[in-house]
Amino acid sequence: MIPGTDIRGRTLLVLSDGKPGHLNQSLAFADLLGLQAAVREVAFAFAGAKGLSYLLDRCGLHSPHLFQVKGALPDCCAVAAAGSATYYAAKVIARQLGVPVAAIMLPRGYRYDFDLILAQAHDRPPQRANILTLPINLCRPRPQGLVAAVPGKTSVALVIGGPSRHFQMDPETLRSQIEAIFALFPGADLLVTSSRRTPAAVEALLETFPFRRRVLYSREPINPIPDFLALSDYVFVTEDSTSMISEAVSFGAARVEVLPLQSTGARNKVGTMVATLAQRGCLHIFDGTLGDCDEKIDLAALLQGVRLCG
């Protein structure tokens, strides 16, 4: 059952499936709209509930018995959800509260009758009045003062992800790429961070290079990426992460280089996104030479016409 309300304000209710990448997009959406975010975790109530939710949604039926919400619901002006475990609950809750509902990312399998859908272009969404197609993920990087620039030096940052269903990460290939970067920037201030998905072998590789600041996520679980973007002249990002690439092409003034990885052969929407951004001048696919791609995407401008809360 859906709990009752408990707080008031100009608030966007954000439903979370517990996945940081999904939650961060919802929080960025709230921030870009100038709304306060109230996060509530949601999960299907029993095995088979997710499959049943697809069927009920197609029939136009909205049952609060298929899911559970952690915590009482706030008095909100709208509901936002990202991830397949949240979309049905978002529709039901929005209907109960009498407020608009937004789906972040294309809610495949469900009817597209949300008040607003924010879909990435690489998902090839249909053209509909309620669908806003974006070239990148929603993001809102906020520097935290974790890293300071070195005056008088060119700043070069590396952001390393990890293997995924779309890409493999070979340490020796990465070694060659990093060696090339060091050769291109003698005397520069070089920084690096790994991420949750970075393999131990890759983190060990990063320790063999003389970076001025090295953040290994397995030992130091912080996020210096916004700080890197704020101070760097060049940013190198591995190809695997749409979220990291989205941050790099929408924040700061750095020229962006993408370190190509070996594709797994799966249908690769990430590669499609990278190719499109390269055509727009937002990034250069690193081939041993440097590009001059520093075009930035203004997400706030793209959302300027959104009036979800009036």
C-alpha atoms as a PDB file:
ATOM      1  CA  MET A   1       0.000   0.000   0.000  1.00  0.00           C
ATOM      2  CA  ILE A   2       1.062   3.628  -0.491  1.00  0.00           C
ATOM      3  CA  PRO A   3       1.964   5.467   2.748  1.00  0.00           C
ATOM      4  CA  GLY A   4       0.441   8.868   3.481  1.00  0.00           C
ATOM      5  CA  THR A   5       1.978  12.312   3.130  1.00  0.00           C
ATOM      6  CA  ASP A   6       4.185  13.939   5.734  1.00  0.00           C
ATOM      7  CA  ILE A   7       6.020  17.030   4.451  1.00  0.00           C
ATOM      8  CA  ARG A   8       5.183  20.102   2.390  1.00  0.00           C
ATOM      9  CA  GLY A   9       6.860  22.361  -0.129  1.00  0.00           C
ATOM     10  CA  ARG A  10       7.655  22.834  -3.810  1.00  0.00           C
ATOM     11  CA  THR A  11       8.980  19.333  -4.057  1.00  0.00           C
ATOM     12  CA  LEU A  12       9.654  16.794  -6.778  1.00  0.00           C
ATOM     13  CA  LEU A  13       9.052  13.281  -5.503  1.00  0.00           C
ATOM     14  CA  VAL A  14      11.879  11.132  -6.860  1.00  0.00           C
ATOM     15  CA  LEU A  15      11.316   7.379  -6.887  1.00  0.00           C
ATOM     16  CA  SER A  16      14.562   5.419  -6.683  1.00  0.00           C
ATOM     17  CA  ASP A  17      15.358   1.806  -7.543  1.00  0.00           C
ATOM     18  CA  GLY A  18      18.623   2.058  -5.598  1.00  0.00           C
ATOM     19  CA  LYS A  19      20.822   2.389  -8.684  1.00  0.00           C
ATOM     20  CA  PRO A  20      23.077   5.463  -8.400  1.00  0.00           C
ATOM     21  CA  GLY A  21      23.093   6.136 -12.139  1.00  0.00           C
ATOM     22  CA  HIS A  22      19.294   6.294 -12.223  1.00  0.00           C
ATOM     23  CA  LEU A  23      18.952   8.312  -9.029  1.00  0.00           C
ATOM     24  CA  ASN A  24      21.575  10.839 -10.108  1.00  0.00           C
ATOM     25  CA  GLN A  25      19.642  11.598 -13.291  1.00  0.00           C
ATOM     26  CA  SER A  26      16.468  12.212 -11.295  1.00  0.00           C
ATOM     27  CA  LEU A  27      18.301  14.470  -8.848  1.00  0.00           C
ATOM     28  CA  ALA A  28      19.830  16.386 -11.751  1.00  0.00           C
ATOM     29  CA  PHE A  29      16.354  16.821 -13.236  1.00  0.00           C
ATOM     30  CA  ALA A  30      15.074  18.320  -9.986  1.00  0.00           C
ATOM     31  CA  ASP A  31      18.089  20.607  -9.748  1.00  0.00           C
ATOM     32  CA  LEU A  32      17.768  21.783 -13.346  1.00  0.00           C
ATOM     33  CA  LEU A  33      14.107  22.665 -12.726  1.00  0.00           C
ATOM     34  CA  GLY A  34      14.912  24.457  -9.478  1.00  0.00           C
ATOM     35  CA  LEU A  35      12.929  21.982  -7.383  1.00  0.00           C
ATOM     36  CA  GLN A  36      13.667  20.322  -4.068  1.00  0.00           C
ATOM     37  CA  ALA A  37      14.019  16.546  -4.434  1.00  0.00           C
ATOM     38  CA  ALA A  38      12.432  14.168  -1.940  1.00  0.00           C
ATOM     39  CA  VAL A  39      13.759  10.658  -2.577  1.00  0.00           C
ATOM     40  CA  ARG A  40      11.786   7.532  -1.748  1.00  0.00           C
ATOM     41  CA  GLU A  41      12.948   4.007  -2.548  1.00  0.00           C
ATOM     42  CA  VAL A  42      10.440   1.805  -4.309  1.00  0.00           C
ATOM     43  CA  ALA A  43      10.430  -1.913  -5.103  1.00  0.00           C
ATOM     44  CA  PHE A  44       7.990  -4.459  -6.448  1.00  0.00           C
ATOM     45  CA  ALA A  45       6.141  -6.199  -3.630  1.00  0.00           C
ATOM     46  CA  PHE A  46       6.478  -9.815  -4.764  1.00  0.00           C
ATOM     47  CA  ALA A  47       7.979 -12.069  -7.416  1.00  0.00           C
ATOM     48  CA  GLY A  48       6.125 -11.614 -10.662  1.00  0.00           C
ATOM     49  CA  ALA A  49       4.856  -8.148  -9.764  1.00  0.00           C
ATOM     50  CA  LYS A  50       7.003  -6.479 -12.406  1.00  0.00           C
ATOM     51  CA  GLY A  51       5.656  -8.667 -15.194  1.00  0.00           C
ATOM     52  CA  LEU A  52       2.130  -8.082 -13.944  1.00  0.00           C
ATOM     53  CA  SER A  53       2.730  -4.330 -13.921  1.00  0.00           C
ATOM     54  CA  TYR A  54       3.359  -4.350 -17.673  1.00  0.00           C
ATOM     55  CA  LEU A  55       0.060  -6.156 -18.251  1.00  0.00           C
ATOM     56  CA  LEU A  56      -1.970  -3.932 -15.928  1.00  0.00           C
ATOM     57  CA  ASP A  57      -0.447  -0.799 -17.408  1.00  0.00           C
ATOM     58  CA  ARG A  58      -1.416  -1.840 -20.914  1.00  0.00           C
ATOM     59  CA  CYS A  59      -4.957  -2.333 -19.625  1.00  0.00           C
ATOM     60  CA  GLY A  60      -4.932   1.076 -17.969  1.00  0.00           C
ATOM     61  CA  LEU A  61      -5.115  -0.388 -14.456  1.00  0.00           C
ATOM     62  CA  HIS A  62      -3.180   1.209 -11.602  1.00  0.00           C
ATOM     63  CA  SER A  63      -2.775  -0.947  -8.510  1.00  0.00           C
ATOM     64  CA  PRO A  64      -0.869   0.209  -5.400  1.00  0.00           C
ATOM     65  CA  HIS A  65      -0.571  -3.423  -4.286  1.00  0.00           C
ATOM     66  CA  LEU A  66       2.212  -4.270  -6.762  1.00  0.00           C
ATOM     67  CA  PHE A  67       4.908  -2.195  -5.090  1.00  0.00           C
ATOM     68  CA  GLN A  68       6.143  -0.873  -1.769  1.00  0.00           C
ATOM     69  CA  VAL A  69       7.463   2.587  -0.962  1.00  0.00           C
ATOM     70  CA  LYS A  70      10.009   3.127   1.795  1.00  0.00           C
ATOM     71  CA  GLY A  71       8.880   6.078   3.890  1.00  0.00           C
ATOM     72  CA  ALA A  72       5.900   8.391   3.799  1.00  0.00           C
ATOM     73  CA  LEU A  73       5.205  10.381   0.674  1.00  0.00           C
ATOM     74  CA  PRO A  74       5.751  14.156   0.644  1.00  0.00           C
ATOM     75  CA  ASP A  75       3.296  16.732  -0.548  1.00  0.00           C
ATOM     76  CA  CYS A  76       4.778  17.231  -4.015  1.00  0.00           C
ATOM     77  CA  CYS A  77       4.165  19.100  -7.229  1.00  0.00           C
ATOM     78  CA  ALA A  78       5.200  16.174  -9.465  1.00  0.00           C
ATOM     79  CA  VAL A  79       6.688  12.673  -9.497  1.00  0.00           C
ATOM     80  CA  ALA A  80       9.833  11.606 -11.377  1.00  0.00           C
ATOM     81  CA  ALA A  81      11.162   8.101 -11.902  1.00  0.00           C
ATOM     82  CA  ALA A  82      14.157   6.519 -13.639  1.00  0.00           C
ATOM     83  CA  GLY A  83      14.479   2.775 -14.178  1.00  0.00           C
ATOM     84  CA  SER A  84      12.050  -0.029 -15.011  1.00  0.00           C
ATOM     85  CA  ALA A  85      11.405  -0.827 -11.331  1.00  0.00           C
ATOM     86  CA  THR A  86      10.018   2.676 -10.763  1.00  0.00           C
ATOM     87  CA  TYR A  87       7.848   3.602 -13.740  1.00  0.00           C
ATOM     88  CA  TYR A  88       4.648   1.782 -12.790  1.00  0.00           C
ATOM     89  CA  ALA A  89       4.800   3.016  -9.191  1.00  0.00           C
ATOM     90  CA  ALA A  90       5.325   6.557 -10.458  1.00  0.00           C
ATOM     91  CA  LYS A  91       2.146   6.412 -12.515  1.00  0.00           C
ATOM     92  CA  VAL A  92       0.105   5.019  -9.626  1.00  0.00           C
ATOM     93  CA  ILE A  93       1.416   7.488  -7.055  1.00  0.00           C
ATOM     94  CA  ALA A  94       1.022  10.484  -9.372  1.00  0.00           C
ATOM     95  CA  ARG A  95      -2.566   9.492 -10.049  1.00  0.00           C
ATOM     96  CA  GLN A  96      -3.282   9.153  -6.323  1.00  0.00           C
ATOM     97  CA  LEU A  97      -1.702  12.525  -5.517  1.00  0.00           C
ATOM     98  CA  GLY A  98      -3.185  14.271  -8.543  1.00  0.00           C
ATOM     99  CA  VAL A  99       0.156  15.550  -9.865  1.00  0.00           C
ATOM    100  CA  PRO A 100       2.086  15.178 -13.155  1.00  0.00           C
ATOM    101  CA  VAL A 101       4.543  12.326 -13.663  1.00  0.00           C
ATOM    102  CA  ALA A 102       7.847  12.291 -15.561  1.00  0.00           C
ATOM    103  CA  ALA A 103       9.794   9.266 -16.776  1.00  0.00           C
ATOM    104  CA  ILE A 104      13.531   9.700 -17.123  1.00  0.00           C
ATOM    105  CA  MET A 105      14.888   7.466 -19.884  1.00  0.00           C
ATOM    106  CA  LEU A 106      12.546   5.698 -22.275  1.00  0.00           C
ATOM    107  CA  PRO A 107      10.139   3.503 -20.220  1.00  0.00           C
ATOM    108  CA  ARG A 108      10.154   0.532 -22.568  1.00  0.00           C
ATOM    109  CA  GLY A 109       7.364  -1.983 -21.994  1.00  0.00           C
ATOM    110  CA  TYR A 110       5.024   0.573 -20.460  1.00  0.00           C
ATOM    111  CA  ARG A 111       2.600   2.870 -22.220  1.00  0.00           C
ATOM    112  CA  TYR A 112       4.145   6.209 -23.062  1.00  0.00           C
ATOM    113  CA  ASP A 113       1.291   8.132 -21.432  1.00  0.00           C
ATOM    114  CA  PHE A 114       3.451   9.952 -18.876  1.00  0.00           C
ATOM    115  CA  ASP A 115       3.057  13.721 -18.728  1.00  0.00           C
ATOM    116  CA  LEU A 116       6.711  13.986 -19.730  1.00  0.00           C
ATOM    117  CA  ILE A 117       9.345  11.524 -20.918  1.00  0.00           C
ATOM    118  CA  LEU A 118      12.995  12.598 -21.050  1.00  0.00           C
ATOM    119  CA  ALA A 119      14.625  10.132 -23.423  1.00  0.00           C
ATOM    120  CA  GLN A 120      18.185   9.908 -24.697  1.00  0.00           C
ATOM    121  CA  ALA A 121      18.604  10.166 -28.454  1.00  0.00           C
ATOM    122  CA  HIS A 122      20.606   6.929 -28.598  1.00  0.00           C
ATOM    123  CA  ASP A 123      17.463   5.057 -27.429  1.00  0.00           C
ATOM    124  CA  ARG A 124      15.702   6.221 -30.607  1.00  0.00           C
ATOM    125  CA  PRO A 125      12.484   7.402 -28.957  1.00  0.00           C
ATOM    126  CA  PRO A 126       9.378   7.995 -31.072  1.00  0.00           C
ATOM    127  CA  GLN A 127       8.371  11.561 -31.870  1.00  0.00           C
ATOM    128  CA  ARG A 128       5.553  12.496 -29.515  1.00  0.00           C
ATOM    129  CA  ALA A 129       4.431  15.733 -27.915  1.00  0.00           C
ATOM    130  CA  ASN A 130       5.239  14.455 -24.410  1.00  0.00           C
ATOM    131  CA  ILE A 131       8.726  13.127 -25.263  1.00  0.00           C
ATOM    132  CA  LEU A 132      11.741  15.410 -24.967  1.00  0.00           C
ATOM    133  CA  THR A 133      14.764  13.877 -26.681  1.00  0.00           C
ATOM    134  CA  LEU A 134      18.146  14.706 -25.147  1.00  0.00           C
ATOM    135  CA  PRO A 135      21.617  14.105 -26.627  1.00  0.00           C
ATOM    136  CA  ILE A 136      23.091  13.032 -23.261  1.00  0.00           C
ATOM    137  CA  ASN A 137      22.101  11.831 -19.804  1.00  0.00           C
ATOM    138  CA  LEU A 138      20.709  14.304 -17.327  1.00  0.00           C
ATOM    139  CA  CYS A 139      23.510  15.424 -15.033  1.00  0.00           C
ATOM    140  CA  ARG A 140      24.461  18.349 -12.820  1.00  0.00           C
ATOM    141  CA  PRO A 141      28.121  18.096 -11.736  1.00  0.00           C
ATOM    142  CA  ARG A 142      28.965  19.951  -8.525  1.00  0.00           C
ATOM    143  CA  PRO A 143      32.650  20.465  -7.623  1.00  0.00           C
ATOM    144  CA  GLN A 144      33.387  19.735  -3.970  1.00  0.00           C
ATOM    145  CA  GLY A 145      36.860  21.198  -3.620  1.00  0.00           C
ATOM    146  CA  LEU A 146      38.480  17.756  -3.599  1.00  0.00           C
ATOM    147  CA  VAL A 147      41.259  18.756  -6.014  1.00  0.00           C
ATOM    148  CA  ALA A 148      42.999  22.087  -6.584  1.00  0.00           C
ATOM    149  CA  ALA A 149      44.650  23.272  -9.791  1.00  0.00           C
ATOM    150  CA  VAL A 150      48.404  23.820 -10.041  1.00  0.00           C
ATOM    151  CA  PRO A 151      48.945  27.404 -11.269  1.00  0.00           C
ATOM    152  CA  GLY A 152      50.866  27.741 -14.511  1.00  0.00           C
ATOM    153  CA  LYS A 153      50.484  24.103 -15.553  1.00  0.00           C
ATOM    154  CA  THR A 154      48.263  22.491 -18.162  1.00  0.00           C
ATOM    155  CA  SER A 155      45.789  20.292 -16.320  1.00  0.00           C
ATOM    156  CA  VAL A 156      44.936  16.889 -17.798  1.00  0.00           C
ATOM    157  CA  ALA A 157      42.438  14.533 -16.148  1.00  0.00           C
ATOM    158  CA  LEU A 158      41.714  10.874 -16.869  1.00  0.00           C
ATOM    159  CA  VAL A 159      38.375   9.347 -15.872  1.00  0.00           C
ATOM    160  CA  ILE A 160      38.460   5.551 -15.996  1.00  0.00           C
ATOM    161  CA  GLY A 161      35.336   3.403 -15.970  1.00  0.00           C
ATOM    162  CA  GLY A 162      35.230  -0.347 -16.438  1.00  0.00           C
ATOM    163  CA  PRO A 163      33.953  -3.249 -18.523  1.00  0.00           C
ATOM    164  CA  SER A 164      30.255  -3.408 -19.355  1.00  0.00           C
ATOM    165  CA  ARG A 165      27.910  -5.405 -21.541  1.00  0.00           C
ATOM    166  CA  HIS A 166      28.922  -3.115 -24.395  1.00  0.00           C
ATOM    167  CA  PHE A 167      32.693  -2.916 -23.875  1.00  0.00           C
ATOM    168  CA  GLN A 168      35.715  -4.861 -22.699  1.00  0.00           C
ATOM    169  CA  MET A 169      38.580  -3.105 -20.940  1.00  0.00           C
ATOM    170  CA  ASP A 170      42.037  -4.455 -21.749  1.00  0.00           C
ATOM    171  CA  PRO A 171      44.735  -3.206 -19.328  1.00  0.00           C
ATOM    172  CA  GLU A 172      47.488  -3.371 -21.951  1.00  0.00           C
ATOM    173  CA  THR A 173      45.521  -1.297 -24.439  1.00  0.00           C
ATOM    174  CA  LEU A 174      44.820   1.210 -21.698  1.00  0.00           C
ATOM    175  CA  ARG A 175      48.515   1.240 -20.788  1.00  0.00           C
ATOM    176  CA  SER A 176      49.403   2.234 -24.356  1.00  0.00           C
ATOM    177  CA  GLN A 177      46.783   4.983 -24.322  1.00  0.00           C
ATOM    178  CA  ILE A 178      48.051   6.422 -21.029  1.00  0.00           C
ATOM    179  CA  GLU A 179      51.662   6.299 -22.231  1.00  0.00           C
ATOM    180  CA  ALA A 180      50.603   8.281 -25.291  1.00  0.00           C
ATOM    181  CA  ILE A 181      48.848  10.854 -23.092  1.00  0.00           C
ATOM    182  CA  PHE A 182      51.928  11.350 -20.917  1.00  0.00           C
ATOM    183  CA  ALA A 183      54.043  11.768 -24.061  1.00  0.00           C
ATOM    184  CA  LEU A 184      51.656  14.425 -25.387  1.00  0.00           C
ATOM    185  CA  PHE A 185      51.733  16.433 -22.150  1.00  0.00           C
ATOM    186  CA  PRO A 186      55.291  16.612 -20.779  1.00  0.00           C
ATOM    187  CA  GLY A 187      55.377  18.654 -17.593  1.00  0.00           C
ATOM    188  CA  ALA A 188      51.592  18.842 -17.302  1.00  0.00           C
ATOM    189  CA  ASP A 189      49.577  18.295 -14.136  1.00  0.00           C
ATOM    190  CA  LEU A 190      48.038  14.846 -14.647  1.00  0.00           C
ATOM    191  CA  LEU A 191      45.143  13.549 -12.557  1.00  0.00           C
ATOM    192  CA  VAL A 192      43.227  10.271 -12.619  1.00  0.00           C
ATOM    193  CA  THR A 193      40.220   8.653 -10.998  1.00  0.00           C
ATOM    194  CA  SER A 194      38.797   5.163 -11.288  1.00  0.00           C
ATOM    195  CA  SER A 195      35.171   4.210 -10.599  1.00  0.00           C
ATOM    196  CA  ARG A 196      33.009   1.523  -9.033  1.00  0.00           C
ATOM    197  CA  ARG A 197      33.393  -0.729 -12.079  1.00  0.00           C
ATOM    198  CA  THR A 198      37.140  -0.376 -12.561  1.00  0.00           C
ATOM    199  CA  PRO A 199      38.866  -3.800 -12.294  1.00  0.00           C
ATOM    200  CA  ALA A 200      41.660  -4.308  -9.767  1.00  0.00           C
ATOM    201  CA  ALA A 201      44.131  -4.958 -12.599  1.00  0.00           C
ATOM    202  CA  VAL A 202      43.364  -1.551 -14.092  1.00  0.00           C
ATOM    203  CA  GLU A 203      43.723   0.217 -10.754  1.00  0.00           C
ATOM    204  CA  ALA A 204      47.090  -1.525 -10.329  1.00  0.00           C
ATOM    205  CA  LEU A 205      48.067  -0.227 -13.767  1.00  0.00           C
ATOM    206  CA  LEU A 206      47.158   3.335 -12.784  1.00  0.00           C
ATOM    207  CA  GLU A 207      49.556   3.098  -9.840  1.00  0.00           C
ATOM    208  CA  THR A 208      52.493   2.610 -12.213  1.00  0.00           C
ATOM    209  CA  PHE A 209      52.131   6.122 -13.689  1.00  0.00           C
ATOM    210  CA  PRO A 210      53.257   9.343 -11.951  1.00  0.00           C
ATOM    211  CA  PHE A 211      49.906  11.085 -11.634  1.00  0.00           C
ATOM    212  CA  ARG A 212      49.965  14.096  -9.320  1.00  0.00           C
ATOM    213  CA  ARG A 213      46.586  13.064  -7.850  1.00  0.00           C
ATOM    214  CA  ARG A 214      45.342   9.500  -8.102  1.00  0.00           C
ATOM    215  CA  VAL A 215      41.901   8.513  -6.800  1.00  0.00           C
ATOM    216  CA  LEU A 216      41.406   4.742  -6.702  1.00  0.00           C
ATOM    217  CA  TYR A 217      37.743   4.182  -5.961  1.00  0.00           C
ATOM    218  CA  SER A 218      38.286   0.800  -4.282  1.00  0.00           C
ATOM    219  CA  ARG A 219      40.332   2.544  -1.581  1.00  0.00           C
ATOM    220  CA  GLU A 220      38.970   6.083  -1.677  1.00  0.00           C
ATOM    221  CA  PRO A 221      35.285   6.031  -2.675  1.00  0.00           C
ATOM    222  CA  ILE A 222      34.873   9.694  -3.547  1.00  0.00           C
ATOM    223  CA  ASN A 223      33.838  11.393  -6.773  1.00  0.00           C
ATOM    224  CA  PRO A 224      36.378  13.988  -7.945  1.00  0.00           C
ATOM    225  CA  ILE A 225      35.016  14.089 -11.509  1.00  0.00           C
ATOM    226  CA  PRO A 226      33.216  17.463 -11.145  1.00  0.00           C
ATOM    227  CA  ASP A 227      36.416  18.972  -9.711  1.00  0.00           C
ATOM    228  CA  PHE A 228      38.462  17.477 -12.549  1.00  0.00           C
ATOM    229  CA  LEU A 229      36.068  18.959 -15.106  1.00  0.00           C
ATOM    230  CA  ALA A 230      36.131  22.365 -13.442  1.00  0.00           C
ATOM    231  CA  LEU A 231      39.916  22.759 -13.517  1.00  0.00           C
ATOM    232  CA  SER A 232      41.155  20.689 -16.480  1.00  0.00           C
ATOM    233  CA  ASP A 233      42.241  21.827 -19.914  1.00  0.00           C
ATOM    234  CA  TYR A 234      41.835  18.289 -21.290  1.00  0.00           C
ATOM    235  CA  VAL A 235      39.709  15.424 -19.999  1.00  0.00           C
ATOM    236  CA  PHE A 236      40.118  11.831 -21.184  1.00  0.00           C
ATOM    237  CA  VAL A 237      37.136   9.557 -20.492  1.00  0.00           C
ATOM    238  CA  THR A 238      36.838   5.843 -21.243  1.00  0.00           C
ATOM    239  CA  GLU A 239      34.105   4.992 -23.724  1.00  0.00           C
ATOM    240  CA  ASP A 240      32.035   2.733 -21.462  1.00  0.00           C
ATOM    241  CA  SER A 241      30.079   5.258 -19.389  1.00  0.00           C
ATOM    242  CA  THR A 242      27.315   7.459 -20.789  1.00  0.00           C
ATOM    243  CA  SER A 243      27.084   9.243 -17.442  1.00  0.00           C
ATOM    244  CA  MET A 244      30.779  10.184 -17.302  1.00  0.00           C
ATOM    245  CA  ILE A 245      30.767  11.286 -20.934  1.00  0.00           C
ATOM    246  CA  SER A 246      27.589  13.301 -20.365  1.00  0.00           C
ATOM    247  CA  GLU A 247      29.227  15.170 -17.497  1.00  0.00           C
ATOM    248  CA  ALA A 248      32.345  15.872 -19.546  1.00  0.00           C
ATOM    249  CA  VAL A 249      30.446  17.385 -22.489  1.00  0.00           C
ATOM    250  CA  SER A 250      28.105  19.512 -20.382  1.00  0.00           C
ATOM    251  CA  PHE A 251      30.295  21.033 -17.659  1.00  0.00           C
ATOM    252  CA  GLY A 252      33.548  22.972 -17.487  1.00  0.00           C
ATOM    253  CA  ALA A 253      35.607  24.159 -20.439  1.00  0.00           C
ATOM    254  CA  ALA A 254      37.916  21.192 -21.075  1.00  0.00           C
ATOM    255  CA  ARG A 255      38.557  19.674 -24.454  1.00  0.00           C
ATOM    256  CA  VAL A 256      37.150  16.156 -24.258  1.00  0.00           C
ATOM    257  CA  GLU A 257      38.896  13.021 -25.516  1.00  0.00           C
ATOM    258  CA  VAL A 258      37.201   9.607 -25.395  1.00  0.00           C
ATOM    259  CA  LEU A 259      39.433   6.574 -24.958  1.00  0.00           C
ATOM    260  CA  PRO A 260      37.986   3.875 -27.247  1.00  0.00           C
ATOM    261  CA  LEU A 261      37.428   0.377 -25.875  1.00  0.00           C
ATOM    262  CA  GLN A 262      36.842  -2.968 -27.543  1.00  0.00           C
ATOM    263  CA  SER A 263      33.163  -3.583 -28.262  1.00  0.00           C
ATOM    264  CA  THR A 264      31.566  -6.808 -27.019  1.00  0.00           C
ATOM    265  CA  GLY A 265      29.469  -6.972 -30.167  1.00  0.00           C
ATOM    266  CA  ALA A 266      26.220  -6.200 -28.348  1.00  0.00           C
ATOM    267  CA  ARG A 267      23.967  -3.529 -29.867  1.00  0.00           C
ATOM    268  CA  ASN A 268      25.968  -0.543 -28.794  1.00  0.00           C
ATOM    269  CA  LYS A 269      23.913   2.554 -28.069  1.00  0.00           C
ATOM    270  CA  VAL A 270      26.873   4.037 -26.166  1.00  0.00           C
ATOM    271  CA  GLY A 271      28.946   3.965 -29.336  1.00  0.00           C
ATOM    272  CA  THR A 272      26.083   5.662 -31.161  1.00  0.00           C
ATOM    273  CA  MET A 273      26.011   8.421 -28.563  1.00  0.00           C
ATOM    274  CA  VAL A 274      29.782   8.925 -28.746  1.00  0.00           C
ATOM    275  CA  ALA A 275      29.736   9.121 -32.547  1.00  0.00           C
ATOM    276  CA  THR A 276      26.930  11.696 -32.486  1.00  0.00           C
ATOM    277  CA  LEU A 277      28.720  13.844 -29.909  1.00  0.00           C
ATOM    278  CA  ALA A 278      31.906  13.667 -31.969  1.00  0.00           C
ATOM    279  CA  GLN A 279      29.998  15.002 -34.983  1.00  0.00           C
ATOM    280  CA  ARG A 280      28.723  17.890 -32.848  1.00  0.00           C
ATOM    281  CA  GLY A 281      32.253  18.853 -31.810  1.00  0.00           C
ATOM    282  CA  CYS A 282      31.686  17.901 -28.179  1.00  0.00           C
ATOM    283  CA  LEU A 283      34.397  15.253 -28.083  1.00  0.00           C
ATOM    284  CA  HIS A 284      37.221  13.670 -30.057  1.00  0.00           C
ATOM    285  CA  ILE A 285      37.785   9.911 -30.175  1.00  0.00           C
ATOM    286  CA  PHE A 286      41.410   9.556 -29.107  1.00  0.00           C
ATOM    287  CA  ASP A 287      43.633   8.046 -31.803  1.00  0.00           C
ATOM    288  CA  GLY A 288      47.012   9.110 -30.465  1.00  0.00           C
ATOM    289  CA  THR A 289      46.472  12.696 -31.567  1.00  0.00           C
ATOM    290  CA  LEU A 290      44.578  15.508 -29.857  1.00  0.00           C
ATOM    291  CA  GLY A 291      41.364  17.066 -31.041  1.00  0.00           C
ATOM    292  CA  ASP A 292      40.037  20.525 -30.260  1.00  0.00           C
ATOM    293  CA  CYS A 293      36.524  19.578 -29.182  1.00  0.00           C
ATOM    294  CA  ASP A 294      35.138  21.707 -26.374  1.00  0.00           C
ATOM    295  CA  GLU A 295      31.545  22.345 -27.451  1.00  0.00           C
ATOM    296  CA  LYS A 296      29.299  22.016 -24.381  1.00  0.00           C
ATOM    297  CA  ILE A 297      25.657  20.949 -24.179  1.00  0.00           C
ATOM    298  CA  ASP A 298      23.487  23.227 -22.041  1.00  0.00           C
ATOM    299  CA  LEU A 299      20.950  20.945 -20.380  1.00  0.00           C
ATOM    300  CA  ALA A 300      19.274  23.837 -18.578  1.00  0.00           C
ATOM    301  CA  ALA A 301      18.556  25.459 -21.938  1.00  0.00           C
ATOM    302  CA  LEU A 302      17.158  22.206 -23.329  1.00  0.00           C
ATOM    303  CA  LEU A 303      14.773  21.967 -20.359  1.00  0.00           C
ATOM    304  CA  GLN A 304      13.797  25.626 -20.477  1.00  0.00           C
ATOM    305  CA  GLY A 305      10.343  24.864 -21.845  1.00  0.00           C
ATOM    306  CA  VAL A 306       9.532  22.191 -19.252  1.00  0.00           C
ATOM    307  CA  ARG A 307       6.745  23.324 -16.910  1.00  0.00           C
ATOM    308  CA  LEU A 308       6.079  20.153 -14.953  1.00  0.00           C
ATOM    309  CA  CYS A 309       5.118  22.041 -11.787  1.00  0.00           C
ATOM    310  CA  GLY A 310       3.511  25.039 -13.430  1.00  0.00           C
END
